Protein backbone atom coordinates (compact mmCIF):
# COMPACT_ATOMS: atom_id res chain seq x y z
CA MET A 1 27.19 69.37 -11.50
CA ASN A 2 28.49 66.72 -9.10
CA PRO A 3 31.29 64.50 -10.37
CA GLN A 4 30.56 60.77 -10.44
CA PRO A 5 32.28 58.89 -7.62
CA LYS A 6 35.02 56.58 -8.85
CA HIS A 7 34.06 52.93 -8.91
CA LYS A 8 36.27 50.85 -6.63
CA PRO A 9 36.95 47.43 -8.17
CA TRP A 10 35.79 44.45 -6.11
CA ARG A 11 38.74 42.40 -4.83
CA SER A 12 38.58 38.88 -3.42
CA LYS A 13 41.57 36.63 -2.80
CA LYS A 14 39.17 33.72 -2.22
CA TYR A 15 37.52 34.23 -5.60
CA LEU A 16 40.88 34.51 -7.40
CA ASP A 17 42.01 31.30 -5.66
CA TYR A 18 38.81 29.65 -6.88
CA ILE A 19 39.49 30.81 -10.46
CA ARG A 20 43.06 29.47 -10.27
CA GLU A 21 41.70 26.06 -9.18
CA GLN A 22 39.75 25.79 -12.47
CA THR A 23 41.13 24.38 -15.71
CA CYS A 24 42.13 26.62 -18.60
CA LEU A 25 39.07 27.56 -20.65
CA ILE A 26 40.98 26.91 -23.87
CA CYS A 27 43.08 23.77 -23.38
CA GLY A 28 41.99 22.27 -20.05
CA GLU A 29 45.45 22.66 -18.44
CA ASN A 30 45.28 22.34 -14.62
CA GLN A 31 47.74 25.09 -13.70
CA THR A 32 46.00 28.38 -14.41
CA GLU A 33 46.19 32.08 -13.77
CA ALA A 34 43.31 34.50 -13.29
CA HIS A 35 42.95 36.70 -16.37
CA HIS A 36 41.12 39.96 -15.64
CA THR A 37 38.86 40.68 -18.60
CA LYS A 38 38.20 44.30 -19.52
CA ILE A 39 34.61 44.59 -20.67
CA PHE A 40 32.92 47.90 -21.38
CA ASN A 41 34.53 50.43 -19.05
CA HIS A 42 35.35 48.03 -16.21
CA GLY A 43 38.98 48.61 -15.45
CA GLY A 44 40.40 51.31 -17.65
CA LYS A 45 43.85 52.49 -18.54
CA SER A 46 46.38 50.93 -16.19
CA ARG A 47 43.56 49.79 -13.91
CA LYS A 48 42.64 46.17 -13.35
CA PRO A 49 38.92 45.32 -13.54
CA SER A 50 37.06 43.83 -10.58
CA ASP A 51 37.98 40.27 -9.71
CA TYR A 52 34.58 38.90 -10.77
CA TRP A 53 35.60 39.66 -14.38
CA CYS A 54 38.21 36.85 -14.29
CA ILE A 55 38.58 33.69 -16.32
CA PRO A 56 41.08 30.86 -15.80
CA LEU A 57 43.81 30.61 -18.44
CA CYS A 58 47.04 28.61 -18.46
CA MET A 59 50.24 30.63 -18.70
CA GLU A 60 50.54 30.03 -22.46
CA HIS A 61 47.01 31.25 -23.22
CA HIS A 62 47.25 34.08 -20.70
CA ASN A 63 50.34 35.38 -22.51
CA GLU A 64 48.65 34.82 -25.87
CA ILE A 65 45.57 36.88 -24.97
CA HIS A 66 47.82 39.80 -23.99
CA ASN A 67 49.99 39.46 -27.11
CA LYS A 68 47.24 38.89 -29.71
CA GLY A 69 44.63 41.15 -28.21
CA VAL A 70 41.33 40.18 -26.70
CA LYS A 71 39.14 40.33 -29.82
CA THR A 72 41.52 38.26 -31.93
CA PHE A 73 42.01 35.74 -29.12
CA TYR A 74 38.27 35.25 -28.48
CA LYS A 75 37.55 34.99 -32.20
CA SER A 76 40.33 32.47 -32.90
CA TYR A 77 39.18 30.16 -30.07
CA GLU A 78 35.45 30.89 -30.49
CA VAL A 79 35.14 31.78 -26.80
CA ASP A 80 31.87 33.23 -25.52
CA ILE A 81 33.25 35.35 -22.71
CA TRP A 82 29.80 36.14 -21.26
CA ILE A 83 28.91 32.51 -20.70
CA ASP A 84 32.34 31.77 -19.21
CA LEU A 85 32.30 34.76 -16.86
CA PHE A 86 28.80 34.15 -15.57
CA THR A 87 29.37 30.41 -15.24
CA MET A 88 32.47 31.06 -13.08
CA VAL A 89 30.62 33.49 -10.80
CA SER A 90 27.54 31.25 -10.59
CA GLU A 91 29.55 28.15 -9.68
CA TYR A 92 31.54 30.07 -7.09
CA LEU A 93 28.37 31.42 -5.47
CA LYS A 94 26.90 27.90 -5.34
CA LYS A 95 30.09 26.65 -3.72
CA ILE A 96 30.19 29.27 -0.97
CA THR A 97 26.45 29.14 -0.22
CA ASP A 98 26.35 25.33 0.02
CA LYS A 99 28.62 25.32 3.05
């Protein structure tokens, strides 16, 4: 039996910069950080998921998501993470292909 090759997370400084240019998904604050969202088995213990699994959050909400936990955070703000993630990637791809 052959072991599965380890998945290398996709990294992109340009994409993270794009995420940081967006407003916070919760409050609309302009200064944001890229929050790496762990969905399914993307990431893992002590391993950051690929950069395309990022959403923009202000410092306050970024700290809150880590302190409360992802499920509680998403439920309390009624965030649909799938729509937000795919919207971010879609808008970024439009931006870089329209050049």
